């Protein structure tokens, strides 16, 4: 018995499938069958690639995630720098009081 390799779908295909499922008004399982995706896969994509924003479902793309990751890395670097500076200042003032 041979196992089938799982199909690999592009991010664009997943995003367009999520958009179609949300906007079509059809049941998600029916939309999944129409585009040739497992009925359990499409709901997973919907929960992963969309989030409610002001009661409107918006599609998240990988690009948005990379931009957010980049922004968060910059913020972590800035906060680490501030923390180190505050540690040095605290040590300086603690030494000065002795």
N, C-alpha and C. Protein backbone atom coordinates (compact mmCIF):
# COMPACT_ATOMS: atom_id res chain seq x y z
N UNK A 1 0.84 -1.17 0.00
CA UNK A 1 0.00 0.00 0.00
C UNK A 1 0.88 1.24 0.00
N UNK A 2 0.69 2.11 -0.95
CA UNK A 2 1.50 3.32 -1.02
C UNK A 2 0.72 4.50 -0.50
N UNK A 3 1.43 5.39 0.18
CA UNK A 3 0.79 6.59 0.68
C UNK A 3 0.90 7.67 -0.37
N UNK A 4 -0.20 8.42 -0.53
CA UNK A 4 -0.17 9.53 -1.46
C UNK A 4 0.50 10.72 -0.79
N UNK A 5 1.29 11.44 -1.58
CA UNK A 5 1.92 12.64 -1.05
C UNK A 5 0.85 13.72 -0.91
N UNK A 6 0.88 14.49 0.17
CA UNK A 6 -0.11 15.55 0.31
C UNK A 6 0.11 16.61 -0.77
N UNK A 7 -1.01 17.15 -1.26
CA UNK A 7 -0.91 18.19 -2.27
C UNK A 7 -0.39 19.46 -1.61
N UNK A 8 0.42 20.18 -2.36
CA UNK A 8 0.95 21.44 -1.87
C UNK A 8 0.29 22.55 -2.69
N UNK A 9 -0.38 23.46 -1.98
CA UNK A 9 -1.08 24.56 -2.63
C UNK A 9 -0.31 25.85 -2.40
N UNK A 10 -0.30 26.70 -3.40
CA UNK A 10 0.40 27.98 -3.26
C UNK A 10 -0.39 28.90 -2.34
N UNK A 11 0.29 29.88 -1.77
CA UNK A 11 -0.37 30.85 -0.90
C UNK A 11 -1.45 31.61 -1.66
N UNK A 12 -1.19 31.92 -2.93
CA UNK A 12 -2.17 32.64 -3.73
C UNK A 12 -3.44 31.82 -3.91
N UNK A 13 -3.27 30.51 -4.15
CA UNK A 13 -4.43 29.64 -4.32
C UNK A 13 -5.23 29.57 -3.02
N UNK A 14 -4.53 29.43 -1.89
CA UNK A 14 -5.23 29.36 -0.60
C UNK A 14 -5.99 30.66 -0.32
N UNK A 15 -5.34 31.80 -0.58
CA UNK A 15 -5.98 33.09 -0.33
C UNK A 15 -7.21 33.28 -1.21
N UNK A 16 -7.08 32.94 -2.50
CA UNK A 16 -8.22 33.11 -3.39
C UNK A 16 -9.34 32.14 -3.03
N UNK A 17 -8.99 30.94 -2.55
CA UNK A 17 -10.00 29.98 -2.12
C UNK A 17 -10.75 30.49 -0.90
N UNK A 18 -10.02 31.08 0.05
CA UNK A 18 -10.65 31.64 1.24
C UNK A 18 -11.58 32.78 0.86
N UNK A 19 -11.11 33.65 -0.03
CA UNK A 19 -11.93 34.78 -0.48
C UNK A 19 -13.20 34.27 -1.17
N UNK A 20 -13.05 33.27 -2.01
CA UNK A 20 -14.19 32.69 -2.71
C UNK A 20 -15.18 32.09 -1.72
N UNK A 21 -14.67 31.35 -0.74
CA UNK A 21 -15.54 30.70 0.25
C UNK A 21 -16.31 31.73 1.06
N UNK A 22 -15.65 32.84 1.40
CA UNK A 22 -16.30 33.87 2.22
C UNK A 22 -17.34 34.63 1.41
N UNK A 23 -16.99 34.97 0.17
CA UNK A 23 -17.86 35.83 -0.63
C UNK A 23 -18.95 35.08 -1.39
N UNK A 24 -18.81 33.78 -1.57
CA UNK A 24 -19.77 33.05 -2.39
C UNK A 24 -21.12 32.87 -1.71
N UNK A 25 -21.13 32.79 -0.39
CA UNK A 25 -22.38 32.57 0.31
C UNK A 25 -22.80 31.11 0.31
N UNK A 26 -22.03 30.26 -0.33
CA UNK A 26 -22.32 28.83 -0.36
C UNK A 26 -21.72 28.18 0.88
N UNK A 27 -22.17 26.97 1.21
CA UNK A 27 -21.51 26.24 2.31
C UNK A 27 -20.04 25.99 1.97
N UNK A 28 -19.21 26.04 2.99
CA UNK A 28 -17.77 25.89 2.79
C UNK A 28 -17.44 24.53 2.18
N UNK A 29 -18.13 23.49 2.62
CA UNK A 29 -17.87 22.15 2.09
C UNK A 29 -18.15 22.09 0.59
N UNK A 30 -19.22 22.74 0.15
CA UNK A 30 -19.55 22.76 -1.28
C UNK A 30 -18.50 23.52 -2.07
N UNK A 31 -18.06 24.65 -1.55
CA UNK A 31 -17.01 25.43 -2.22
C UNK A 31 -15.73 24.60 -2.31
N UNK A 32 -15.40 23.89 -1.24
CA UNK A 32 -14.20 23.05 -1.24
C UNK A 32 -14.28 21.98 -2.32
N UNK A 33 -15.42 21.33 -2.44
CA UNK A 33 -15.59 20.30 -3.48
C UNK A 33 -15.44 20.92 -4.87
N UNK A 34 -15.99 22.12 -5.06
CA UNK A 34 -15.94 22.77 -6.37
C UNK A 34 -14.52 23.12 -6.80
N UNK A 35 -13.68 23.50 -5.85
CA UNK A 35 -12.31 23.87 -6.21
C UNK A 35 -11.34 22.70 -6.10
N UNK A 36 -11.84 21.53 -5.66
CA UNK A 36 -11.02 20.34 -5.62
C UNK A 36 -10.12 20.23 -4.40
N UNK A 37 -10.61 20.75 -3.27
CA UNK A 37 -9.86 20.71 -2.02
C UNK A 37 -10.64 19.86 -1.03
N UNK A 38 -9.94 19.19 -0.15
CA UNK A 38 -10.59 18.40 0.89
C UNK A 38 -11.53 19.29 1.70
N UNK A 39 -12.68 18.75 2.06
CA UNK A 39 -13.68 19.53 2.80
C UNK A 39 -13.19 20.01 4.16
N UNK A 40 -12.22 19.32 4.74
CA UNK A 40 -11.68 19.72 6.04
C UNK A 40 -10.55 20.74 5.91
N UNK A 41 -9.99 20.85 4.73
CA UNK A 41 -8.86 21.75 4.51
C UNK A 41 -9.29 23.21 4.42
N UNK A 42 -10.35 23.47 3.67
CA UNK A 42 -10.79 24.85 3.45
C UNK A 42 -11.16 25.57 4.75
N UNK A 43 -11.91 24.95 5.67
CA UNK A 43 -12.17 25.65 6.94
C UNK A 43 -10.90 25.99 7.71
N UNK A 44 -9.89 25.13 7.60
CA UNK A 44 -8.62 25.40 8.26
C UNK A 44 -7.97 26.63 7.65
N UNK A 45 -7.99 26.71 6.33
CA UNK A 45 -7.43 27.88 5.65
C UNK A 45 -8.18 29.15 6.03
N UNK A 46 -9.50 29.04 6.13
CA UNK A 46 -10.30 30.21 6.47
C UNK A 46 -9.92 30.73 7.85
N UNK A 47 -9.76 29.83 8.81
CA UNK A 47 -9.39 30.27 10.16
C UNK A 47 -7.96 30.81 10.20
N UNK A 48 -7.10 30.32 9.31
CA UNK A 48 -5.71 30.75 9.31
C UNK A 48 -5.51 32.06 8.54
N UNK A 49 -6.21 32.22 7.42
CA UNK A 49 -5.95 33.35 6.54
C UNK A 49 -6.93 34.50 6.67
N UNK A 50 -7.89 34.40 7.54
CA UNK A 50 -8.82 35.51 7.68
C UNK A 50 -9.06 35.76 9.16
N UNK A 51 -9.39 37.01 9.45
CA UNK A 51 -9.70 37.38 10.82
C UNK A 51 -10.74 38.49 10.77
N UNK A 52 -11.62 38.55 11.75
CA UNK A 52 -12.62 39.61 11.72
C UNK A 52 -12.00 40.96 12.06
N UNK A 53 -12.31 41.95 11.25
CA UNK A 53 -11.87 43.32 11.49
C UNK A 53 -13.11 44.20 11.35
N UNK A 54 -13.58 44.79 12.45
CA UNK A 54 -14.79 45.60 12.44
C UNK A 54 -15.96 44.85 11.81
N UNK A 55 -16.12 43.59 12.20
CA UNK A 55 -17.20 42.72 11.72
C UNK A 55 -17.12 42.45 10.22
N UNK A 56 -15.97 42.68 9.61
CA UNK A 56 -15.75 42.36 8.20
C UNK A 56 -14.59 41.38 8.15
N UNK A 57 -14.73 40.32 7.38
CA UNK A 57 -13.63 39.36 7.30
C UNK A 57 -12.60 39.86 6.30
N UNK A 58 -11.37 39.97 6.74
CA UNK A 58 -10.28 40.42 5.87
C UNK A 58 -9.31 39.27 5.67
N UNK A 59 -8.74 39.18 4.51
CA UNK A 59 -7.81 38.11 4.19
C UNK A 59 -6.40 38.56 4.56
N UNK A 60 -5.72 37.72 5.34
CA UNK A 60 -4.32 38.00 5.68
C UNK A 60 -3.44 37.30 4.66
N UNK A 61 -2.40 37.97 4.26
CA UNK A 61 -1.47 37.35 3.32
C UNK A 61 -0.16 37.09 4.04
N UNK A 62 0.65 36.25 3.44
CA UNK A 62 1.96 35.98 4.02
C UNK A 62 2.79 37.25 4.08
N UNK A 63 2.61 38.14 3.10
CA UNK A 63 3.37 39.39 3.07
C UNK A 63 3.07 40.22 4.32
N UNK A 64 1.81 40.28 4.73
CA UNK A 64 1.46 41.01 5.95
C UNK A 64 2.15 40.40 7.16
N UNK A 65 2.21 39.09 7.19
CA UNK A 65 2.85 38.41 8.32
C UNK A 65 4.34 38.72 8.37
N UNK A 66 4.99 38.75 7.20
CA UNK A 66 6.42 39.07 7.16
C UNK A 66 6.68 40.51 7.58
N UNK A 67 5.79 41.42 7.15
CA UNK A 67 5.93 42.81 7.55
C UNK A 67 5.78 42.97 9.06
N UNK A 68 4.80 42.26 9.61
CA UNK A 68 4.59 42.33 11.06
C UNK A 68 5.79 41.73 11.80
N UNK A 69 6.32 40.63 11.30
CA UNK A 69 7.50 40.02 11.92
C UNK A 69 8.69 40.98 11.89
N UNK A 70 8.88 41.65 10.76
CA UNK A 70 9.97 42.61 10.63
C UNK A 70 9.81 43.75 11.63
N UNK A 71 8.57 44.26 11.74
CA UNK A 71 8.29 45.35 12.68
C UNK A 71 8.54 44.91 14.12
N UNK A 72 8.11 43.70 14.45
CA UNK A 72 8.29 43.20 15.81
C UNK A 72 9.76 42.97 16.14
N UNK A 73 10.54 42.50 15.17
CA UNK A 73 11.97 42.31 15.40
C UNK A 73 12.65 43.64 15.68
N UNK A 74 12.26 44.70 14.94
CA UNK A 74 12.83 46.02 15.18
C UNK A 74 12.47 46.50 16.58
N UNK A 75 11.23 46.27 16.97
CA UNK A 75 10.77 46.70 18.30
C UNK A 75 11.52 45.95 19.40
N UNK A 76 11.74 44.66 19.22
CA UNK A 76 12.49 43.88 20.20
C UNK A 76 13.91 44.41 20.33
N UNK A 77 14.54 44.73 19.21
CA UNK A 77 15.90 45.27 19.23
C UNK A 77 15.94 46.60 19.98
N UNK A 78 14.96 47.46 19.72
CA UNK A 78 14.91 48.77 20.40
C UNK A 78 14.69 48.59 21.90
N UNK A 79 13.78 47.71 22.27
CA UNK A 79 13.50 47.49 23.69
C UNK A 79 14.69 46.86 24.42
N UNK A 80 15.40 45.97 23.73
CA UNK A 80 16.59 45.37 24.32
C UNK A 80 17.65 46.43 24.57
N UNK A 81 17.81 47.33 23.60
CA UNK A 81 18.77 48.42 23.73
C UNK A 81 18.39 49.33 24.92
N UNK A 82 17.11 49.66 25.03
CA UNK A 82 16.64 50.49 26.14
C UNK A 82 16.87 49.80 27.49
N UNK A 83 16.58 48.50 27.54
CA UNK A 83 16.77 47.74 28.77
C UNK A 83 18.23 47.75 29.20
N UNK A 84 19.12 47.53 28.25
CA UNK A 84 20.55 47.52 28.56
C UNK A 84 21.01 48.88 29.06
N UNK A 85 20.51 49.94 28.44
CA UNK A 85 20.86 51.29 28.87
C UNK A 85 20.36 51.55 30.29
N UNK A 86 19.15 51.13 30.57
CA UNK A 86 18.59 51.32 31.92
C UNK A 86 19.35 50.51 32.97
N UNK A 87 19.81 49.32 32.61
CA UNK A 87 20.61 48.51 33.53
C UNK A 87 21.90 49.24 33.89
N UNK A 88 22.55 49.81 32.86
CA UNK A 88 23.79 50.54 33.10
C UNK A 88 23.54 51.78 33.94
N UNK A 89 22.45 52.49 33.68
CA UNK A 89 22.13 53.68 34.46
C UNK A 89 21.83 53.30 35.91
N UNK A 90 21.11 52.23 36.12
CA UNK A 90 20.79 51.79 37.48
C UNK A 90 22.06 51.40 38.22
N UNK A 91 22.96 50.71 37.55
CA UNK A 91 24.23 50.33 38.18
C UNK A 91 25.05 51.57 38.51
N UNK A 92 25.08 52.55 37.62
CA UNK A 92 25.83 53.79 37.85
C UNK A 92 25.29 54.53 39.08
N UNK A 93 23.97 54.69 39.14
CA UNK A 93 23.39 55.43 40.26
C UNK A 93 23.46 54.65 41.56
N UNK A 94 23.43 53.32 41.50
CA UNK A 94 23.56 52.50 42.70
C UNK A 94 24.99 52.66 43.25
N UNK A 95 25.97 52.70 42.36
CA UNK A 95 27.36 52.86 42.76
C UNK A 95 27.56 54.26 43.36
N UNK A 96 26.92 55.27 42.81
CA UNK A 96 27.06 56.64 43.23
C UNK A 96 26.53 56.86 44.65
N UNK A 97 25.50 56.11 45.05
CA UNK A 97 24.88 56.29 46.36
C UNK A 97 25.75 55.69 47.47
N UNK A 98 26.64 54.81 47.20
CA UNK A 98 27.45 54.17 48.22
C UNK A 98 28.48 55.06 48.79
